[in-house]
Amino acid sequence: MTQRLRGITDAEATGAAREIFESSNRLLGRTANLMRILAHSPHLTKWYLGFVAAVRQPDAGAVSDVRLRNLAVLKTSTLNGCRY
């Protein structure tokens, strides 16, 4: 399966996409591939970034155990056939 939308790189990011990438790096420590693809629609990406931060970052309201969240990420990746 191939991607239909190519992710936006840091060098290509301008305006809202650049702001979103900077926020993602600040909140999460990186910009995920899905965020780079969603950046084609900045309003959706801003909502998604807030959602991910609230679920994953204790400072943003996450209340689940970090080990449980990491296990959920690994299990979901495995089920989706993610190789990296």
C-alpha atoms as a PDB file:
ATOM      1  CA  MET A   1       0.000   0.000   0.000  1.00  0.00           C
ATOM      2  CA  THR A   2       1.334   3.451  -0.854  1.00  0.00           C
ATOM      3  CA  GLN A   3       0.515   6.840   0.550  1.00  0.00           C
ATOM      4  CA  ARG A   4      -1.821   8.998  -1.466  1.00  0.00           C
ATOM      5  CA  LEU A   5      -0.712  12.196   0.261  1.00  0.00           C
ATOM      6  CA  ARG A   6       2.949  12.880   0.807  1.00  0.00           C
ATOM      7  CA  GLY A   7       3.919  14.279   4.181  1.00  0.00           C
ATOM      8  CA  ILE A   8       5.140  17.862   4.389  1.00  0.00           C
ATOM      9  CA  THR A   9       8.823  18.132   5.326  1.00  0.00           C
ATOM     10  CA  ASP A  10      10.239  20.692   7.763  1.00  0.00           C
ATOM     11  CA  ALA A  11      11.806  22.549   4.826  1.00  0.00           C
ATOM     12  CA  GLU A  12       8.464  22.712   2.970  1.00  0.00           C
ATOM     13  CA  ALA A  13       6.396  23.761   5.992  1.00  0.00           C
ATOM     14  CA  THR A  14       5.203  27.361   5.909  1.00  0.00           C
ATOM     15  CA  GLY A  15       2.607  29.360   7.808  1.00  0.00           C
ATOM     16  CA  ALA A  16       0.225  27.212   9.840  1.00  0.00           C
ATOM     17  CA  ALA A  17       2.071  23.980   9.022  1.00  0.00           C
ATOM     18  CA  ARG A  18       5.326  25.402  10.376  1.00  0.00           C
ATOM     19  CA  GLU A  19       3.577  26.550  13.573  1.00  0.00           C
ATOM     20  CA  ILE A  20       2.006  23.118  13.998  1.00  0.00           C
ATOM     21  CA  PHE A  21       5.359  21.350  13.541  1.00  0.00           C
ATOM     22  CA  GLU A  22       7.019  23.663  16.066  1.00  0.00           C
ATOM     23  CA  SER A  23       4.197  23.031  18.548  1.00  0.00           C
ATOM     24  CA  SER A  24       4.411  19.291  17.982  1.00  0.00           C
ATOM     25  CA  ASN A  25       8.160  19.310  18.582  1.00  0.00           C
ATOM     26  CA  ARG A  26       7.673  21.342  21.746  1.00  0.00           C
ATOM     27  CA  LEU A  27       4.791  19.225  23.132  1.00  0.00           C
ATOM     28  CA  LEU A  28       5.721  15.761  21.931  1.00  0.00           C
ATOM     29  CA  GLY A  29       9.429  15.999  21.122  1.00  0.00           C
ATOM     30  CA  ARG A  30       8.919  15.263  17.418  1.00  0.00           C
ATOM     31  CA  THR A  31       6.538  15.594  14.498  1.00  0.00           C
ATOM     32  CA  ALA A  32       4.913  12.270  13.625  1.00  0.00           C
ATOM     33  CA  ASN A  33       4.455  11.146  10.024  1.00  0.00           C
ATOM     34  CA  LEU A  34       0.665  11.282  10.408  1.00  0.00           C
ATOM     35  CA  MET A  35       0.931  14.904  11.537  1.00  0.00           C
ATOM     36  CA  ARG A  36       3.004  15.692   8.430  1.00  0.00           C
ATOM     37  CA  ILE A  37       0.295  14.215   6.206  1.00  0.00           C
ATOM     38  CA  LEU A  38      -2.542  15.908   8.095  1.00  0.00           C
ATOM     39  CA  ALA A  39      -0.713  19.246   7.767  1.00  0.00           C
ATOM     40  CA  HIS A  40      -2.312  19.556   4.326  1.00  0.00           C
ATOM     41  CA  SER A  41      -5.399  20.507   6.397  1.00  0.00           C
ATOM     42  CA  PRO A  42      -4.113  22.806   9.183  1.00  0.00           C
ATOM     43  CA  HIS A  43      -7.440  23.020  11.060  1.00  0.00           C
ATOM     44  CA  LEU A  44      -7.655  19.235  11.342  1.00  0.00           C
ATOM     45  CA  THR A  45      -3.996  19.031  12.336  1.00  0.00           C
ATOM     46  CA  LYS A  46      -4.406  21.600  15.127  1.00  0.00           C
ATOM     47  CA  TRP A  47      -7.301  19.607  16.551  1.00  0.00           C
ATOM     48  CA  TYR A  48      -5.342  16.345  16.277  1.00  0.00           C
ATOM     49  CA  LEU A  49      -2.261  17.825  17.974  1.00  0.00           C
ATOM     50  CA  GLY A  50      -4.371  18.979  20.913  1.00  0.00           C
ATOM     51  CA  PHE A  51      -5.998  15.563  21.155  1.00  0.00           C
ATOM     52  CA  VAL A  52      -2.679  13.690  21.086  1.00  0.00           C
ATOM     53  CA  ALA A  53      -1.130  16.024  23.643  1.00  0.00           C
ATOM     54  CA  ALA A  54      -4.118  15.589  25.980  1.00  0.00           C
ATOM     55  CA  VAL A  55      -3.950  11.796  25.692  1.00  0.00           C
ATOM     56  CA  ARG A  56      -0.169  11.402  25.922  1.00  0.00           C
ATOM     57  CA  GLN A  57       1.227  14.290  27.965  1.00  0.00           C
ATOM     58  CA  PRO A  58       0.589  14.416  31.733  1.00  0.00           C
ATOM     59  CA  ASP A  59       1.039  18.209  31.697  1.00  0.00           C
ATOM     60  CA  ALA A  60      -1.821  18.448  29.188  1.00  0.00           C
ATOM     61  CA  GLY A  61      -4.252  16.284  31.144  1.00  0.00           C
ATOM     62  CA  ALA A  62      -3.301  12.644  30.460  1.00  0.00           C
ATOM     63  CA  VAL A  63      -4.163  10.510  33.492  1.00  0.00           C
ATOM     64  CA  SER A  64      -3.262   7.013  32.292  1.00  0.00           C
ATOM     65  CA  ASP A  65      -0.007   5.302  33.192  1.00  0.00           C
ATOM     66  CA  VAL A  66       2.792   6.048  30.720  1.00  0.00           C
ATOM     67  CA  ARG A  67       3.639   2.325  30.452  1.00  0.00           C
ATOM     68  CA  LEU A  68       0.040   1.546  29.524  1.00  0.00           C
ATOM     69  CA  ARG A  69       0.022   4.291  26.859  1.00  0.00           C
ATOM     70  CA  ASN A  70       3.290   2.988  25.385  1.00  0.00           C
ATOM     71  CA  LEU A  71       1.902  -0.561  25.345  1.00  0.00           C
ATOM     72  CA  ALA A  72      -1.196   0.678  23.496  1.00  0.00           C
ATOM     73  CA  VAL A  73       1.008   2.422  20.905  1.00  0.00           C
ATOM     74  CA  LEU A  74       3.107  -0.723  20.372  1.00  0.00           C
ATOM     75  CA  LYS A  75       0.074  -3.009  20.122  1.00  0.00           C
ATOM     76  CA  THR A  76      -1.687  -0.707  17.678  1.00  0.00           C
ATOM     77  CA  SER A  77       1.456  -0.450  15.545  1.00  0.00           C
ATOM     78  CA  THR A  78       1.822  -4.236  15.526  1.00  0.00           C
ATOM     79  CA  LEU A  79      -1.803  -4.762  14.533  1.00  0.00           C
ATOM     80  CA  ASN A  80      -1.435  -2.216  11.731  1.00  0.00           C
ATOM     81  CA  GLY A  81       1.669  -3.952  10.396  1.00  0.00           C
ATOM     82  CA  CYS A  82       3.966  -1.043  11.192  1.00  0.00           C
ATOM     83  CA  ARG A  83       7.588  -2.085  10.692  1.00  0.00           C
ATOM     84  CA  TYR A  84       9.356   0.785  12.453  1.00  0.00           C
END
